[in-house]
Amino acid sequence: MLWLVIATDPTPTTIVVLFVVFAGVLSAASNLVYVYLPELFPTSLRASGIGLAIAASRVGSAISTFLLPVVVGRYGVHVALGACVAVLAFGGLVCHLWAPETRHCRLDTVE
């Protein structure tokens, strides 16, 4: 997506290929959420924690679904894509810095 923001005149084929790659990566990453979330919460809070996380993601999805066409209409596609890149980069940085590694944790001992 960053390439689409900085490219001055990409071909239609390039745009489609980059969006296909982005959609594939995003789909793979969103599937990992359903594996990672149960590992974050102790057994006694697991259902509530996952429910809260999914509810928060739905609120974020609703807000972004409303804001995307507003931003595109007011500022253009490049600004909207730039905002998407910034949000994804910020989320990646936050996860890299603060998301716990759960590789060697047992589900019944997560605290």
PDB file of N, CA and C in Angstrom:
ATOM      1  N   MET A   1       0.815  -1.192   0.000  1.00  0.00           N
ATOM      2  CA  MET A   1       0.000   0.000   0.000  1.00  0.00           C
ATOM      3  C   MET A   1       0.855   1.251   0.000  1.00  0.00           C
ATOM      4  N   LEU A   2       1.973   1.182   0.667  1.00  0.00           N
ATOM      5  CA  LEU A   2       2.859   2.340   0.681  1.00  0.00           C
ATOM      6  C   LEU A   2       3.312   2.684  -0.732  1.00  0.00           C
ATOM      7  N   TRP A   3       3.579   1.670  -1.553  1.00  0.00           N
ATOM      8  CA  TRP A   3       3.992   1.940  -2.926  1.00  0.00           C
ATOM      9  C   TRP A   3       2.896   2.677  -3.689  1.00  0.00           C
ATOM     10  N   LEU A   4       1.640   2.337  -3.422  1.00  0.00           N
ATOM     11  CA  LEU A   4       0.533   3.031  -4.091  1.00  0.00           C
ATOM     12  C   LEU A   4       0.451   4.490  -3.669  1.00  0.00           C
ATOM     13  N   VAL A   5       0.845   4.775  -2.442  1.00  0.00           N
ATOM     14  CA  VAL A   5       0.805   6.152  -1.959  1.00  0.00           C
ATOM     15  C   VAL A   5       1.905   6.983  -2.608  1.00  0.00           C
ATOM     16  N   ILE A   6       3.098   6.407  -2.750  1.00  0.00           N
ATOM     17  CA  ILE A   6       4.215   7.202  -3.260  1.00  0.00           C
ATOM     18  C   ILE A   6       4.331   7.161  -4.784  1.00  0.00           C
ATOM     19  N   ALA A   7       3.659   6.202  -5.444  1.00  0.00           N
ATOM     20  CA  ALA A   7       3.735   6.119  -6.908  1.00  0.00           C
ATOM     21  C   ALA A   7       2.979   7.291  -7.538  1.00  0.00           C
ATOM     22  N   THR A   8       3.569   7.892  -8.532  1.00  0.00           N
ATOM     23  CA  THR A   8       2.924   9.037  -9.175  1.00  0.00           C
ATOM     24  C   THR A   8       1.930   8.620 -10.246  1.00  0.00           C
ATOM     25  N   ASP A   9       2.238   7.570 -11.007  1.00  0.00           N
ATOM     26  CA  ASP A   9       1.340   7.153 -12.072  1.00  0.00           C
ATOM     27  C   ASP A   9       1.418   5.631 -12.292  1.00  0.00           C
ATOM     28  N   PRO A  10       0.896   4.837 -11.328  1.00  0.00           N
ATOM     29  CA  PRO A  10       0.968   3.382 -11.500  1.00  0.00           C
ATOM     30  C   PRO A  10      -0.012   2.914 -12.579  1.00  0.00           C
ATOM     31  N   THR A  11       0.336   1.839 -13.235  1.00  0.00           N
ATOM     32  CA  THR A  11      -0.558   1.269 -14.245  1.00  0.00           C
ATOM     33  C   THR A  11      -1.729   0.579 -13.550  1.00  0.00           C
ATOM     34  N   PRO A  12      -2.845   0.425 -14.229  1.00  0.00           N
ATOM     35  CA  PRO A  12      -3.980  -0.289 -13.626  1.00  0.00           C
ATOM     36  C   PRO A  12      -3.619  -1.717 -13.202  1.00  0.00           C
ATOM     37  N   THR A  13      -2.796  -2.395 -13.975  1.00  0.00           N
ATOM     38  CA  THR A  13      -2.378  -3.754 -13.611  1.00  0.00           C
ATOM     39  C   THR A  13      -1.580  -3.743 -12.314  1.00  0.00           C
ATOM     40  N   THR A  14      -0.698  -2.789 -12.161  1.00  0.00           N
ATOM     41  CA  THR A  14       0.095  -2.679 -10.937  1.00  0.00           C
ATOM     42  C   THR A  14      -0.808  -2.423  -9.737  1.00  0.00           C
ATOM     43  N   ILE A  15      -1.773  -1.559  -9.896  1.00  0.00           N
ATOM     44  CA  ILE A  15      -2.709  -1.258  -8.804  1.00  0.00           C
ATOM     45  C   ILE A  15      -3.467  -2.515  -8.388  1.00  0.00           C
ATOM     46  N   VAL A  16      -3.977  -3.247  -9.356  1.00  0.00           N
ATOM     47  CA  VAL A  16      -4.737  -4.473  -9.049  1.00  0.00           C
ATOM     48  C   VAL A  16      -3.848  -5.502  -8.364  1.00  0.00           C
ATOM     49  N   VAL A  17      -2.645  -5.707  -8.897  1.00  0.00           N
ATOM     50  CA  VAL A  17      -1.733  -6.695  -8.297  1.00  0.00           C
ATOM     51  C   VAL A  17      -1.380  -6.306  -6.866  1.00  0.00           C
ATOM     52  N   LEU A  18      -1.089  -5.045  -6.624  1.00  0.00           N
ATOM     53  CA  LEU A  18      -0.746  -4.613  -5.267  1.00  0.00           C
ATOM     54  C   LEU A  18      -1.933  -4.755  -4.310  1.00  0.00           C
ATOM     55  N   PHE A  19      -3.132  -4.445  -4.767  1.00  0.00           N
ATOM     56  CA  PHE A  19      -4.295  -4.631  -3.902  1.00  0.00           C
ATOM     57  C   PHE A  19      -4.576  -6.108  -3.643  1.00  0.00           C
ATOM     58  N   VAL A  20      -4.331  -6.966  -4.623  1.00  0.00           N
ATOM     59  CA  VAL A  20      -4.510  -8.409  -4.421  1.00  0.00           C
ATOM     60  C   VAL A  20      -3.523  -8.919  -3.369  1.00  0.00           C
ATOM     61  N   VAL A  21      -2.270  -8.494  -3.474  1.00  0.00           N
ATOM     62  CA  VAL A  21      -1.272  -8.890  -2.480  1.00  0.00           C
ATOM     63  C   VAL A  21      -1.659  -8.365  -1.104  1.00  0.00           C
ATOM     64  N   PHE A  22      -2.076  -7.114  -1.028  1.00  0.00           N
ATOM     65  CA  PHE A  22      -2.496  -6.532   0.242  1.00  0.00           C
ATOM     66  C   PHE A  22      -3.677  -7.297   0.829  1.00  0.00           C
ATOM     67  N   ALA A  23      -4.676  -7.621   0.010  1.00  0.00           N
ATOM     68  CA  ALA A  23      -5.845  -8.355   0.502  1.00  0.00           C
ATOM     69  C   ALA A  23      -5.458  -9.741   0.997  1.00  0.00           C
ATOM     70  N   GLY A  24      -4.535 -10.398   0.307  1.00  0.00           N
ATOM     71  CA  GLY A  24      -4.083 -11.718   0.752  1.00  0.00           C
ATOM     72  C   GLY A  24      -3.356 -11.660   2.082  1.00  0.00           C
ATOM     73  N   VAL A  25      -2.468 -10.687   2.231  1.00  0.00           N
ATOM     74  CA  VAL A  25      -1.733 -10.531   3.492  1.00  0.00           C
ATOM     75  C   VAL A  25      -2.684 -10.152   4.621  1.00  0.00           C
ATOM     76  N   LEU A  26      -3.613  -9.259   4.350  1.00  0.00           N
ATOM     77  CA  LEU A  26      -4.570  -8.841   5.375  1.00  0.00           C
ATOM     78  C   LEU A  26      -5.465  -9.998   5.801  1.00  0.00           C
ATOM     79  N   SER A  27      -5.895 -10.820   4.866  1.00  0.00           N
ATOM     80  CA  SER A  27      -6.715 -11.981   5.200  1.00  0.00           C
ATOM     81  C   SER A  27      -5.945 -12.967   6.063  1.00  0.00           C
ATOM     82  N   ALA A  28      -4.699 -13.210   5.724  1.00  0.00           N
ATOM     83  CA  ALA A  28      -3.878 -14.120   6.522  1.00  0.00           C
ATOM     84  C   ALA A  28      -3.673 -13.571   7.932  1.00  0.00           C
ATOM     85  N   ALA A  29      -3.417 -12.286   8.034  1.00  0.00           N
ATOM     86  CA  ALA A  29      -3.192 -11.675   9.344  1.00  0.00           C
ATOM     87  C   ALA A  29      -4.462 -11.679  10.188  1.00  0.00           C
ATOM     88  N   SER A  30      -5.604 -11.437   9.582  1.00  0.00           N
ATOM     89  CA  SER A  30      -6.846 -11.420  10.368  1.00  0.00           C
ATOM     90  C   SER A  30      -7.220 -12.818  10.850  1.00  0.00           C
ATOM     91  N   ASN A  31      -6.837 -13.853  10.127  1.00  0.00           N
ATOM     92  CA  ASN A  31      -7.079 -15.220  10.601  1.00  0.00           C
ATOM     93  C   ASN A  31      -6.227 -15.548  11.820  1.00  0.00           C
ATOM     94  N   LEU A  32      -5.056 -14.953  11.926  1.00  0.00           N
ATOM     95  CA  LEU A  32      -4.195 -15.202  13.074  1.00  0.00           C
ATOM     96  C   LEU A  32      -4.767 -14.614  14.360  1.00  0.00           C
ATOM     97  N   VAL A  33      -5.623 -13.632  14.246  1.00  0.00           N
ATOM     98  CA  VAL A  33      -6.239 -13.032  15.426  1.00  0.00           C
ATOM     99  C   VAL A  33      -7.007 -14.080  16.222  1.00  0.00           C
ATOM    100  N   TYR A  34      -7.672 -14.978  15.536  1.00  0.00           N
ATOM    101  CA  TYR A  34      -8.471 -15.987  16.230  1.00  0.00           C
ATOM    102  C   TYR A  34      -7.604 -17.044  16.889  1.00  0.00           C
ATOM    103  N   VAL A  35      -6.347 -17.110  16.537  1.00  0.00           N
ATOM    104  CA  VAL A  35      -5.413 -18.016  17.207  1.00  0.00           C
ATOM    105  C   VAL A  35      -4.731 -17.296  18.363  1.00  0.00           C
ATOM    106  N   TYR A  36      -4.398 -16.041  18.174  1.00  0.00           N
ATOM    107  CA  TYR A  36      -3.619 -15.281  19.155  1.00  0.00           C
ATOM    108  C   TYR A  36      -4.448 -14.841  20.351  1.00  0.00           C
ATOM    109  N   LEU A  37      -5.670 -14.403  20.127  1.00  0.00           N
ATOM    110  CA  LEU A  37      -6.480 -13.876  21.239  1.00  0.00           C
ATOM    111  C   LEU A  37      -6.698 -14.874  22.374  1.00  0.00           C
ATOM    112  N   PRO A  38      -7.027 -16.134  22.107  1.00  0.00           N
ATOM    113  CA  PRO A  38      -7.200 -17.054  23.236  1.00  0.00           C
ATOM    114  C   PRO A  38      -5.931 -17.240  24.062  1.00  0.00           C
ATOM    115  N   GLU A  39      -4.785 -17.031  23.468  1.00  0.00           N
ATOM    116  CA  GLU A  39      -3.535 -17.195  24.195  1.00  0.00           C
ATOM    117  C   GLU A  39      -3.216 -16.009  25.097  1.00  0.00           C
ATOM    118  N   LEU A  40      -3.896 -14.893  24.924  1.00  0.00           N
ATOM    119  CA  LEU A  40      -3.584 -13.694  25.700  1.00  0.00           C
ATOM    120  C   LEU A  40      -4.241 -13.661  27.067  1.00  0.00           C
ATOM    121  N   PHE A  41      -5.359 -14.338  27.216  1.00  0.00           N
ATOM    122  CA  PHE A  41      -6.149 -14.200  28.431  1.00  0.00           C
ATOM    123  C   PHE A  41      -6.099 -15.469  29.258  1.00  0.00           C
ATOM    124  N   PRO A  42      -6.103 -15.334  30.611  1.00  0.00           N
ATOM    125  CA  PRO A  42      -6.206 -16.524  31.449  1.00  0.00           C
ATOM    126  C   PRO A  42      -7.562 -17.198  31.242  1.00  0.00           C
ATOM    127  N   THR A  43      -7.635 -18.459  31.569  1.00  0.00           N
ATOM    128  CA  THR A  43      -8.839 -19.243  31.302  1.00  0.00           C
ATOM    129  C   THR A  43     -10.093 -18.598  31.878  1.00  0.00           C
ATOM    130  N   SER A  44      -9.997 -18.040  33.070  1.00  0.00           N
ATOM    131  CA  SER A  44     -11.183 -17.472  33.714  1.00  0.00           C
ATOM    132  C   SER A  44     -11.710 -16.222  33.006  1.00  0.00           C
ATOM    133  N   LEU A  45     -10.867 -15.543  32.249  1.00  0.00           N
ATOM    134  CA  LEU A  45     -11.279 -14.319  31.555  1.00  0.00           C
ATOM    135  C   LEU A  45     -11.290 -14.463  30.043  1.00  0.00           C
ATOM    136  N   ARG A  46     -11.019 -15.643  29.526  1.00  0.00           N
ATOM    137  CA  ARG A  46     -10.813 -15.809  28.093  1.00  0.00           C
ATOM    138  C   ARG A  46     -12.030 -15.389  27.267  1.00  0.00           C
ATOM    139  N   ALA A  47     -13.208 -15.856  27.622  1.00  0.00           N
ATOM    140  CA  ALA A  47     -14.400 -15.527  26.831  1.00  0.00           C
ATOM    141  C   ALA A  47     -14.689 -14.028  26.862  1.00  0.00           C
ATOM    142  N   SER A  48     -14.586 -13.419  28.037  1.00  0.00           N
ATOM    143  CA  SER A  48     -14.840 -11.980  28.145  1.00  0.00           C
ATOM    144  C   SER A  48     -13.776 -11.173  27.409  1.00  0.00           C
ATOM    145  N   GLY A  49     -12.526 -11.583  27.519  1.00  0.00           N
ATOM    146  CA  GLY A  49     -11.445 -10.868  26.846  1.00  0.00           C
ATOM    147  C   GLY A  49     -11.568 -10.917  25.341  1.00  0.00           C
ATOM    148  N   ILE A  50     -11.874 -12.104  24.813  1.00  0.00           N
ATOM    149  CA  ILE A  50     -12.040 -12.236  23.365  1.00  0.00           C
ATOM    150  C   ILE A  50     -13.256 -11.448  22.899  1.00  0.00           C
ATOM    151  N   GLY A  51     -14.340 -11.512  23.663  1.00  0.00           N
ATOM    152  CA  GLY A  51     -15.544 -10.752  23.308  1.00  0.00           C
ATOM    153  C   GLY A  51     -15.282  -9.258  23.281  1.00  0.00           C
ATOM    154  N   LEU A  52     -14.558  -8.755  24.263  1.00  0.00           N
ATOM    155  CA  LEU A  52     -14.237  -7.329  24.310  1.00  0.00           C
ATOM    156  C   LEU A  52     -13.332  -6.933  23.137  1.00  0.00           C
ATOM    157  N   ALA A  53     -12.340  -7.770  22.839  1.00  0.00           N
ATOM    158  CA  ALA A  53     -11.435  -7.467  21.721  1.00  0.00           C
ATOM    159  C   ALA A  53     -12.181  -7.461  20.390  1.00  0.00           C
ATOM    160  N   ILE A  54     -13.059  -8.412  20.183  1.00  0.00           N
ATOM    161  CA  ILE A  54     -13.813  -8.471  18.926  1.00  0.00           C
ATOM    162  C   ILE A  54     -14.799  -7.307  18.837  1.00  0.00           C
ATOM    163  N   ALA A  55     -15.431  -6.959  19.963  1.00  0.00           N
ATOM    164  CA  ALA A  55     -16.346  -5.817  19.952  1.00  0.00           C
ATOM    165  C   ALA A  55     -15.600  -4.525  19.622  1.00  0.00           C
ATOM    166  N   ALA A  56     -14.408  -4.362  20.184  1.00  0.00           N
ATOM    167  CA  ALA A  56     -13.609  -3.170  19.878  1.00  0.00           C
ATOM    168  C   ALA A  56     -13.228  -3.143  18.409  1.00  0.00           C
ATOM    169  N   SER A  57     -12.913  -4.309  17.847  1.00  0.00           N
ATOM    170  CA  SER A  57     -12.558  -4.335  16.427  1.00  0.00           C
ATOM    171  C   SER A  57     -13.765  -3.999  15.556  1.00  0.00           C
ATOM    172  N   ARG A  58     -14.950  -4.397  15.975  1.00  0.00           N
ATOM    173  CA  ARG A  58     -16.155  -4.075  15.204  1.00  0.00           C
ATOM    174  C   ARG A  58     -16.454  -2.578  15.249  1.00  0.00           C
ATOM    175  N   VAL A  59     -16.226  -1.953  16.394  1.00  0.00           N
ATOM    176  CA  VAL A  59     -16.415  -0.499  16.497  1.00  0.00           C
ATOM    177  C   VAL A  59     -15.418   0.212  15.581  1.00  0.00           C
ATOM    178  N   GLY A  60     -14.165  -0.224  15.610  1.00  0.00           N
ATOM    179  CA  GLY A  60     -13.157   0.360  14.727  1.00  0.00           C
ATOM    180  C   GLY A  60     -13.506   0.163  13.259  1.00  0.00           C
ATOM    181  N   SER A  61     -14.035  -1.007  12.924  1.00  0.00           N
ATOM    182  CA  SER A  61     -14.434  -1.267  11.535  1.00  0.00           C
ATOM    183  C   SER A  61     -15.578  -0.360  11.108  1.00  0.00           C
ATOM    184  N   ALA A  62     -16.537  -0.162  11.987  1.00  0.00           N
ATOM    185  CA  ALA A  62     -17.672   0.706  11.655  1.00  0.00           C
ATOM    186  C   ALA A  62     -17.216   2.152  11.459  1.00  0.00           C
ATOM    187  N   ILE A  63     -16.335   2.612  12.329  1.00  0.00           N
ATOM    188  CA  ILE A  63     -15.847   3.988  12.212  1.00  0.00           C
ATOM    189  C   ILE A  63     -15.042   4.160  10.931  1.00  0.00           C
ATOM    190  N   SER A  64     -14.158   3.210  10.637  1.00  0.00           N
ATOM    191  CA  SER A  64     -13.333   3.347   9.432  1.00  0.00           C
ATOM    192  C   SER A  64     -14.156   3.195   8.158  1.00  0.00           C
ATOM    193  N   THR A  65     -15.194   2.360   8.193  1.00  0.00           N
ATOM    194  CA  THR A  65     -16.070   2.231   7.029  1.00  0.00           C
ATOM    195  C   THR A  65     -16.793   3.542   6.744  1.00  0.00           C
ATOM    196  N   PHE A  66     -17.147   4.266   7.781  1.00  0.00           N
ATOM    197  CA  PHE A  66     -17.772   5.567   7.599  1.00  0.00           C
ATOM    198  C   PHE A  66     -16.767   6.622   7.145  1.00  0.00           C
ATOM    199  N   LEU A  67     -15.563   6.610   7.742  1.00  0.00           N
ATOM    200  CA  LEU A  67     -14.601   7.670   7.473  1.00  0.00           C
ATOM    201  C   LEU A  67     -13.897   7.548   6.122  1.00  0.00           C
ATOM    202  N   LEU A  68     -13.693   6.339   5.625  1.00  0.00           N
ATOM    203  CA  LEU A  68     -12.931   6.179   4.387  1.00  0.00           C
ATOM    204  C   LEU A  68     -13.532   6.961   3.221  1.00  0.00           C
ATOM    205  N   PRO A  69     -14.833   6.815   2.906  1.00  0.00           N
ATOM    206  CA  PRO A  69     -15.357   7.599   1.788  1.00  0.00           C
ATOM    207  C   PRO A  69     -15.368   9.102   2.060  1.00  0.00           C
ATOM    208  N   VAL A  70     -15.492   9.495   3.302  1.00  0.00           N
ATOM    209  CA  VAL A  70     -15.451  10.920   3.638  1.00  0.00           C
ATOM    210  C   VAL A  70     -14.063  11.483   3.340  1.00  0.00           C
ATOM    211  N   VAL A  71     -13.024  10.755   3.759  1.00  0.00           N
ATOM    212  CA  VAL A  71     -11.650  11.203   3.524  1.00  0.00           C
ATOM    213  C   VAL A  71     -11.337  11.190   2.031  1.00  0.00           C
ATOM    214  N   VAL A  72     -11.769  10.148   1.312  1.00  0.00           N
ATOM    215  CA  VAL A  72     -11.526  10.090  -0.129  1.00  0.00           C
ATOM    216  C   VAL A  72     -12.217  11.251  -0.829  1.00  0.00           C
ATOM    217  N   GLY A  73     -13.458  11.529  -0.464  1.00  0.00           N
ATOM    218  CA  GLY A  73     -14.196  12.623  -1.092  1.00  0.00           C
ATOM    219  C   GLY A  73     -13.612  13.988  -0.797  1.00  0.00           C
ATOM    220  N   ARG A  74     -13.120  14.179   0.407  1.00  0.00           N
ATOM    221  CA  ARG A  74     -12.631  15.496   0.799  1.00  0.00           C
ATOM    222  C   ARG A  74     -11.162  15.721   0.440  1.00  0.00           C
ATOM    223  N   TYR A  75     -10.320  14.678   0.603  1.00  0.00           N
ATOM    224  CA  TYR A  75      -8.876  14.863   0.440  1.00  0.00           C
ATOM    225  C   TYR A  75      -8.253  14.063  -0.698  1.00  0.00           C
ATOM    226  N   GLY A  76      -8.962  13.066  -1.212  1.00  0.00           N
ATOM    227  CA  GLY A  76      -8.426  12.275  -2.314  1.00  0.00           C
ATOM    228  C   GLY A  76      -7.955  10.896  -1.892  1.00  0.00           C
ATOM    229  N   VAL A  77      -7.721  10.076  -2.912  1.00  0.00           N
ATOM    230  CA  VAL A  77      -7.344   8.684  -2.678  1.00  0.00           C
ATOM    231  C   VAL A  77      -5.960   8.566  -2.047  1.00  0.00           C
ATOM    232  N   HIS A  78      -5.018   9.390  -2.463  1.00  0.00           N
ATOM    233  CA  HIS A  78      -3.659   9.290  -1.924  1.00  0.00           C
ATOM    234  C   HIS A  78      -3.624   9.583  -0.430  1.00  0.00           C
ATOM    235  N   VAL A  79      -4.376  10.554   0.015  1.00  0.00           N
ATOM    236  CA  VAL A  79      -4.423  10.867   1.447  1.00  0.00           C
ATOM    237  C   VAL A  79      -5.092   9.726   2.208  1.00  0.00           C
ATOM    238  N   ALA A  80      -6.172   9.175   1.648  1.00  0.00           N
ATOM    239  CA  ALA A  80      -6.855   8.062   2.316  1.00  0.00           C
ATOM    240  C   ALA A  80      -5.941   6.843   2.420  1.00  0.00           C
ATOM    241  N   LEU A  81      -5.243   6.515   1.335  1.00  0.00           N
ATOM    242  CA  LEU A  81      -4.302   5.394   1.388  1.00  0.00           C
ATOM    243  C   LEU A  81      -3.147   5.688   2.341  1.00  0.00           C
ATOM    244  N   GLY A  82      -2.687   6.925   2.354  1.00  0.00           N
ATOM    245  CA  GLY A  82      -1.630   7.311   3.295  1.00  0.00           C
ATOM    246  C   GLY A  82      -2.081   7.151   4.736  1.00  0.00           C
ATOM    247  N   ALA A  83      -3.333   7.511   5.015  1.00  0.00           N
ATOM    248  CA  ALA A  83      -3.869   7.325   6.363  1.00  0.00           C
ATOM    249  C   ALA A  83      -3.949   5.839   6.713  1.00  0.00           C
ATOM    250  N   CYS A  84      -4.347   5.023   5.748  1.00  0.00           N
ATOM    251  CA  CYS A  84      -4.390   3.567   5.983  1.00  0.00           C
ATOM    252  C   CYS A  84      -2.997   3.022   6.272  1.00  0.00           C
ATOM    253  N   VAL A  85      -2.009   3.474   5.504  1.00  0.00           N
ATOM    254  CA  VAL A  85      -0.625   3.048   5.732  1.00  0.00           C
ATOM    255  C   VAL A  85      -0.172   3.482   7.127  1.00  0.00           C
ATOM    256  N   ALA A  86      -0.495   4.702   7.516  1.00  0.00           N
ATOM    257  CA  ALA A  86      -0.090   5.201   8.836  1.00  0.00           C
ATOM    258  C   ALA A  86      -0.735   4.389   9.955  1.00  0.00           C
ATOM    259  N   VAL A  87      -2.008   4.064   9.824  1.00  0.00           N
ATOM    260  CA  VAL A  87      -2.696   3.273  10.851  1.00  0.00           C
ATOM    261  C   VAL A  87      -2.087   1.875  10.938  1.00  0.00           C
ATOM    262  N   LEU A  88      -1.829   1.247   9.791  1.00  0.00           N
ATOM    263  CA  LEU A  88      -1.226  -0.085   9.789  1.00  0.00           C
ATOM    264  C   LEU A  88       0.187  -0.059  10.372  1.00  0.00           C
ATOM    265  N   ALA A  89       0.968   0.948  10.029  1.00  0.00           N
ATOM    266  CA  ALA A  89       2.330   1.060  10.573  1.00  0.00           C
ATOM    267  C   ALA A  89       2.296   1.288  12.081  1.00  0.00           C
ATOM    268  N   PHE A  90       1.390   2.144  12.545  1.00  0.00           N
ATOM    269  CA  PHE A  90       1.259   2.388  13.980  1.00  0.00           C
ATOM    270  C   PHE A  90       0.841   1.114  14.710  1.00  0.00           C
ATOM    271  N   GLY A  91      -0.140   0.393  14.159  1.00  0.00           N
ATOM    272  CA  GLY A  91      -0.566  -0.859  14.777  1.00  0.00           C
ATOM    273  C   GLY A  91       0.540  -1.895  14.802  1.00  0.00           C
ATOM    274  N   GLY A  92       1.317  -1.977  13.709  1.00  0.00           N
ATOM    275  CA  GLY A  92       2.436  -2.906  13.685  1.00  0.00           C
ATOM    276  C   GLY A  92       3.497  -2.553  14.715  1.00  0.00           C
ATOM    277  N   LEU A  93       3.775  -1.259  14.865  1.00  0.00           N
ATOM    278  CA  LEU A  93       4.754  -0.826  15.857  1.00  0.00           C
ATOM    279  C   LEU A  93       4.286  -1.126  17.278  1.00  0.00           C
ATOM    280  N   VAL A  94       3.025  -0.829  17.568  1.00  0.00           N
ATOM    281  CA  VAL A  94       2.477  -1.103  18.896  1.00  0.00           C
ATOM    282  C   VAL A  94       2.541  -2.602  19.200  1.00  0.00           C
ATOM    283  N   CYS A  95       2.158  -3.428  18.224  1.00  0.00           N
ATOM    284  CA  CYS A  95       2.212  -4.880  18.436  1.00  0.00           C
ATOM    285  C   CYS A  95       3.645  -5.355  18.617  1.00  0.00           C
ATOM    286  N   HIS A  96       4.553  -4.812  17.840  1.00  0.00           N
ATOM    287  CA  HIS A  96       5.956  -5.214  17.962  1.00  0.00           C
ATOM    288  C   HIS A  96       6.519  -4.860  19.333  1.00  0.00           C
ATOM    289  N   LEU A  97       6.163  -3.700  19.845  1.00  0.00           N
ATOM    290  CA  LEU A  97       6.716  -3.243  21.117  1.00  0.00           C
ATOM    291  C   LEU A  97       6.044  -3.864  22.338  1.00  0.00           C
ATOM    292  N   TRP A  98       4.709  -4.070  22.285  1.00  0.00           N
ATOM    293  CA  TRP A  98       4.005  -4.435  23.504  1.00  0.00           C
ATOM    294  C   TRP A  98       3.229  -5.740  23.464  1.00  0.00           C
ATOM    295  N   ALA A  99       3.036  -6.343  22.321  1.00  0.00           N
ATOM    296  CA  ALA A  99       2.287  -7.601  22.294  1.00  0.00           C
ATOM    297  C   ALA A  99       3.161  -8.722  22.858  1.00  0.00           C
ATOM    298  N   PRO A 100       2.646  -9.484  23.806  1.00  0.00           N
ATOM    299  CA  PRO A 100       3.467 -10.536  24.407  1.00  0.00           C
ATOM    300  C   PRO A 100       3.663 -11.713  23.453  1.00  0.00           C
ATOM    301  N   GLU A 101       4.803 -12.350  23.569  1.00  0.00           N
ATOM    302  CA  GLU A 101       5.085 -13.565  22.812  1.00  0.00           C
ATOM    303  C   GLU A 101       4.438 -14.738  23.551  1.00  0.00           C
ATOM    304  N   THR A 102       3.630 -15.507  22.869  1.00  0.00           N
ATOM    305  CA  THR A 102       2.896 -16.603  23.516  1.00  0.00           C
ATOM    306  C   THR A 102       3.350 -17.973  23.030  1.00  0.00           C
ATOM    307  N   ARG A 103       4.466 -18.027  22.320  1.00  0.00           N
ATOM    308  CA  ARG A 103       4.912 -19.282  21.707  1.00  0.00           C
ATOM    309  C   ARG A 103       5.110 -20.390  22.738  1.00  0.00           C
ATOM    310  N   HIS A 104       5.697 -20.096  23.884  1.00  0.00           N
ATOM    311  CA  HIS A 104       6.029 -21.138  24.851  1.00  0.00           C
ATOM    312  C   HIS A 104       5.093 -21.138  26.063  1.00  0.00           C
ATOM    313  N   CYS A 105       3.957 -20.476  25.954  1.00  0.00           N
ATOM    314  CA  CYS A 105       2.998 -20.422  27.058  1.00  0.00           C
ATOM    315  C   CYS A 105       1.939 -21.511  26.891  1.00  0.00           C
ATOM    316  N   ARG A 106       1.558 -22.092  28.021  1.00  0.00           N
ATOM    317  CA  ARG A 106       0.444 -23.041  27.997  1.00  0.00           C
ATOM    318  C   ARG A 106      -0.839 -22.251  28.245  1.00  0.00           C
ATOM    319  N   LEU A 107      -1.930 -22.667  27.609  1.00  0.00           N
ATOM    320  CA  LEU A 107      -3.192 -21.935  27.745  1.00  0.00           C
ATOM    321  C   LEU A 107      -3.677 -21.886  29.189  1.00  0.00           C
ATOM    322  N   ASP A 108      -3.418 -22.930  29.966  1.00  0.00           N
ATOM    323  CA  ASP A 108      -3.922 -22.946  31.349  1.00  0.00           C
ATOM    324  C   ASP A 108      -3.029 -22.159  32.310  1.00  0.00           C
ATOM    325  N   THR A 109      -1.893 -21.646  31.847  1.00  0.00           N
ATOM    326  CA  THR A 109      -1.012 -20.886  32.734  1.00  0.00           C
ATOM    327  C   THR A 109      -0.835 -19.444  32.309  1.00  0.00           C
ATOM    328  N   VAL A 110      -1.536 -18.987  31.282  1.00  0.00           N
ATOM    329  CA  VAL A 110      -1.405 -17.604  30.825  1.00  0.00           C
ATOM    330  C   VAL A 110      -1.956 -16.680  31.900  1.00  0.00           C
ATOM    331  N   GLU A 111      -1.175 -15.658  32.241  1.00  0.00           N
ATOM    332  CA  GLU A 111      -1.628 -14.696  33.247  1.00  0.00           C
ATOM    333  C   GLU A 111      -1.410 -13.291  32.781  1.00  0.00           C
TER     334      GLU A 111
END
